[in-house]
N, C-alpha and C. Protein backbone atom coordinates (compact mmCIF):
# COMPACT_ATOMS: atom_id res chain seq x y z
N MET A 1 11.85 19.51 -11.63
CA MET A 1 11.56 18.62 -10.54
C MET A 1 12.85 17.87 -10.16
N ARG A 2 12.99 17.61 -8.90
CA ARG A 2 14.18 16.94 -8.38
C ARG A 2 14.14 15.42 -8.51
N LEU A 3 13.25 14.91 -9.26
CA LEU A 3 13.04 13.47 -9.34
C LEU A 3 14.32 12.73 -9.72
N ARG A 4 14.98 13.16 -10.77
CA ARG A 4 16.20 12.48 -11.22
C ARG A 4 17.26 12.47 -10.12
N GLU A 5 17.45 13.60 -9.47
CA GLU A 5 18.43 13.71 -8.39
C GLU A 5 18.11 12.74 -7.26
N LEU A 6 16.86 12.71 -6.84
CA LEU A 6 16.46 11.81 -5.76
C LEU A 6 16.60 10.35 -6.15
N ARG A 7 16.23 10.03 -7.37
CA ARG A 7 16.33 8.66 -7.86
C ARG A 7 17.78 8.19 -7.91
N LYS A 8 18.64 9.03 -8.45
CA LYS A 8 20.06 8.67 -8.56
C LYS A 8 20.72 8.58 -7.19
N LYS A 9 20.33 9.47 -6.29
CA LYS A 9 20.87 9.43 -4.94
C LYS A 9 20.54 8.10 -4.26
N ARG A 10 19.37 7.59 -4.56
CA ARG A 10 18.95 6.31 -3.98
C ARG A 10 19.55 5.13 -4.76
N GLY A 11 20.09 5.41 -5.95
CA GLY A 11 20.74 4.37 -6.74
C GLY A 11 19.78 3.42 -7.43
N ILE A 12 18.65 3.95 -7.87
CA ILE A 12 17.68 3.10 -8.56
C ILE A 12 17.46 3.58 -9.99
N SER A 13 17.04 2.68 -10.83
CA SER A 13 16.78 3.01 -12.23
C SER A 13 15.36 3.58 -12.38
N GLN A 14 15.12 4.16 -13.53
CA GLN A 14 13.77 4.63 -13.84
C GLN A 14 12.80 3.46 -13.83
N LEU A 15 13.24 2.32 -14.34
CA LEU A 15 12.38 1.15 -14.39
C LEU A 15 12.02 0.67 -12.99
N LYS A 16 12.99 0.64 -12.09
CA LYS A 16 12.73 0.22 -10.70
C LYS A 16 11.73 1.15 -10.05
N LEU A 17 11.93 2.46 -10.20
CA LEU A 17 11.00 3.43 -9.63
C LEU A 17 9.60 3.24 -10.21
N ALA A 18 9.52 3.08 -11.52
CA ALA A 18 8.23 2.87 -12.16
C ALA A 18 7.54 1.62 -11.65
N MET A 19 8.29 0.55 -11.50
CA MET A 19 7.70 -0.70 -11.01
C MET A 19 7.24 -0.55 -9.56
N ASP A 20 8.04 0.11 -8.74
CA ASP A 20 7.68 0.31 -7.33
C ASP A 20 6.41 1.13 -7.17
N LEU A 21 6.20 2.06 -8.09
CA LEU A 21 5.04 2.95 -8.00
C LEU A 21 3.92 2.57 -8.97
N ASN A 22 4.08 1.41 -9.60
CA ASN A 22 3.05 0.91 -10.50
C ASN A 22 2.73 1.91 -11.62
N MET A 23 3.80 2.39 -12.26
CA MET A 23 3.63 3.30 -13.39
C MET A 23 4.54 2.86 -14.52
N ASN A 24 4.49 3.55 -15.60
CA ASN A 24 5.27 3.24 -16.78
C ASN A 24 6.64 3.92 -16.70
N GLN A 25 7.70 3.23 -17.12
CA GLN A 25 9.05 3.80 -17.12
C GLN A 25 9.11 5.02 -18.02
N ASN A 26 8.36 5.01 -19.09
CA ASN A 26 8.32 6.15 -20.00
C ASN A 26 7.79 7.40 -19.30
N SER A 27 6.82 7.22 -18.41
CA SER A 27 6.27 8.35 -17.64
C SER A 27 7.34 8.94 -16.73
N VAL A 28 8.09 8.08 -16.05
CA VAL A 28 9.17 8.55 -15.18
C VAL A 28 10.17 9.36 -15.99
N SER A 29 10.54 8.85 -17.15
CA SER A 29 11.48 9.56 -18.02
C SER A 29 10.95 10.94 -18.42
N ARG A 30 9.69 11.01 -18.74
CA ARG A 30 9.09 12.29 -19.14
C ARG A 30 8.97 13.26 -17.97
N TYR A 31 8.69 12.73 -16.77
CA TYR A 31 8.67 13.59 -15.58
C TYR A 31 10.06 14.19 -15.36
N GLU A 32 11.07 13.35 -15.47
CA GLU A 32 12.45 13.81 -15.24
C GLU A 32 12.91 14.83 -16.28
N SER A 33 12.50 14.66 -17.51
CA SER A 33 12.94 15.57 -18.57
C SER A 33 12.10 16.85 -18.63
N GLY A 34 10.96 16.84 -17.94
CA GLY A 34 10.08 18.00 -17.97
C GLY A 34 9.11 17.98 -19.13
N ALA A 35 9.10 16.88 -19.88
CA ALA A 35 8.19 16.77 -21.01
C ALA A 35 6.75 16.53 -20.55
N ARG A 36 6.60 16.11 -19.31
CA ARG A 36 5.27 15.83 -18.75
C ARG A 36 5.26 16.24 -17.28
N GLU A 37 4.12 16.75 -16.81
CA GLU A 37 3.98 17.12 -15.40
C GLU A 37 3.16 16.07 -14.67
N ALA A 38 3.60 15.75 -13.47
CA ALA A 38 2.90 14.76 -12.65
C ALA A 38 1.61 15.35 -12.09
N ASP A 39 0.58 14.51 -12.00
CA ASP A 39 -0.67 14.95 -11.38
C ASP A 39 -0.51 14.87 -9.86
N TYR A 40 -1.54 15.31 -9.13
CA TYR A 40 -1.46 15.36 -7.67
C TYR A 40 -1.20 13.99 -7.06
N LYS A 41 -1.90 13.00 -7.54
CA LYS A 41 -1.75 11.65 -7.01
C LYS A 41 -0.32 11.14 -7.19
N THR A 42 0.26 11.42 -8.34
CA THR A 42 1.63 10.99 -8.63
C THR A 42 2.63 11.77 -7.79
N LEU A 43 2.40 13.07 -7.62
CA LEU A 43 3.29 13.87 -6.78
C LEU A 43 3.30 13.35 -5.34
N ILE A 44 2.14 13.00 -4.83
CA ILE A 44 2.04 12.46 -3.47
C ILE A 44 2.79 11.14 -3.39
N ALA A 45 2.60 10.28 -4.38
CA ALA A 45 3.28 8.98 -4.39
C ALA A 45 4.79 9.14 -4.44
N LEU A 46 5.27 10.06 -5.27
CA LEU A 46 6.72 10.30 -5.37
C LEU A 46 7.28 10.88 -4.08
N ALA A 47 6.59 11.84 -3.51
CA ALA A 47 7.05 12.44 -2.25
C ALA A 47 7.08 11.41 -1.13
N ASP A 48 6.07 10.57 -1.06
CA ASP A 48 6.04 9.51 -0.05
C ASP A 48 7.16 8.50 -0.29
N TYR A 49 7.39 8.14 -1.52
CA TYR A 49 8.41 7.16 -1.87
C TYR A 49 9.80 7.63 -1.43
N PHE A 50 10.09 8.91 -1.68
CA PHE A 50 11.41 9.45 -1.35
C PHE A 50 11.45 10.11 0.03
N ASN A 51 10.30 10.10 0.71
CA ASN A 51 10.19 10.68 2.06
C ASN A 51 10.62 12.15 2.09
N VAL A 52 10.10 12.90 1.14
CA VAL A 52 10.35 14.35 1.06
C VAL A 52 9.02 15.06 0.90
N SER A 53 9.04 16.36 1.07
CA SER A 53 7.82 17.14 0.86
C SER A 53 7.60 17.36 -0.64
N ILE A 54 6.36 17.61 -1.00
CA ILE A 54 6.06 17.92 -2.39
C ILE A 54 6.75 19.22 -2.80
N ASP A 55 6.83 20.18 -1.89
CA ASP A 55 7.53 21.43 -2.20
C ASP A 55 9.00 21.18 -2.53
N TYR A 56 9.63 20.26 -1.82
CA TYR A 56 11.03 19.92 -2.12
C TYR A 56 11.11 19.25 -3.49
N LEU A 57 10.22 18.34 -3.75
CA LEU A 57 10.19 17.64 -5.02
C LEU A 57 10.03 18.62 -6.18
N LEU A 58 9.22 19.65 -5.98
CA LEU A 58 8.97 20.65 -7.03
C LEU A 58 9.95 21.82 -7.00
N GLU A 59 11.00 21.71 -6.16
CA GLU A 59 12.06 22.72 -6.05
C GLU A 59 11.56 24.06 -5.54
N ARG A 60 10.54 24.02 -4.68
CA ARG A 60 10.03 25.26 -4.08
C ARG A 60 10.72 25.56 -2.76
N THR A 61 11.49 24.58 -2.25
CA THR A 61 12.24 24.75 -1.03
C THR A 61 13.49 23.88 -1.10
N GLU A 62 14.48 24.25 -0.31
CA GLU A 62 15.71 23.46 -0.23
C GLU A 62 15.64 22.48 0.93
N ASP A 63 14.59 22.55 1.74
CA ASP A 63 14.41 21.69 2.92
C ASP A 63 13.58 20.47 2.53
N PRO A 64 14.21 19.29 2.53
CA PRO A 64 13.48 18.09 2.10
C PRO A 64 12.49 17.54 3.12
N LYS A 65 12.47 18.10 4.32
CA LYS A 65 11.62 17.58 5.38
C LYS A 65 10.16 17.63 5.00
N ARG A 66 9.48 16.57 5.39
CA ARG A 66 8.03 16.53 5.19
C ARG A 66 7.34 17.19 6.36
N ASN A 67 6.25 17.86 6.10
CA ASN A 67 5.47 18.50 7.15
C ASN A 67 4.39 17.57 7.65
C-alpha cells in the first residue's frame, strides 16, 4: 500500500494521521508495514484523506485521480 509514501509526501507523522482519522497510531504502522490490511471503511477514509482513488492507494494503478 502507498500509505507511507502519501503520508511522507504530505509531511505528517503516523500519529497525526491516526489522530486525524480517529484511529490508533499502531494501526497506521501496521498498515504501512503490511502486517495488517485495512478494511473497506478504513480504505475509504484513507483515500478521502489523501484525495486519491482506492486503486491508487492499493497500487493497482499509477493514476492517483479519484473517479
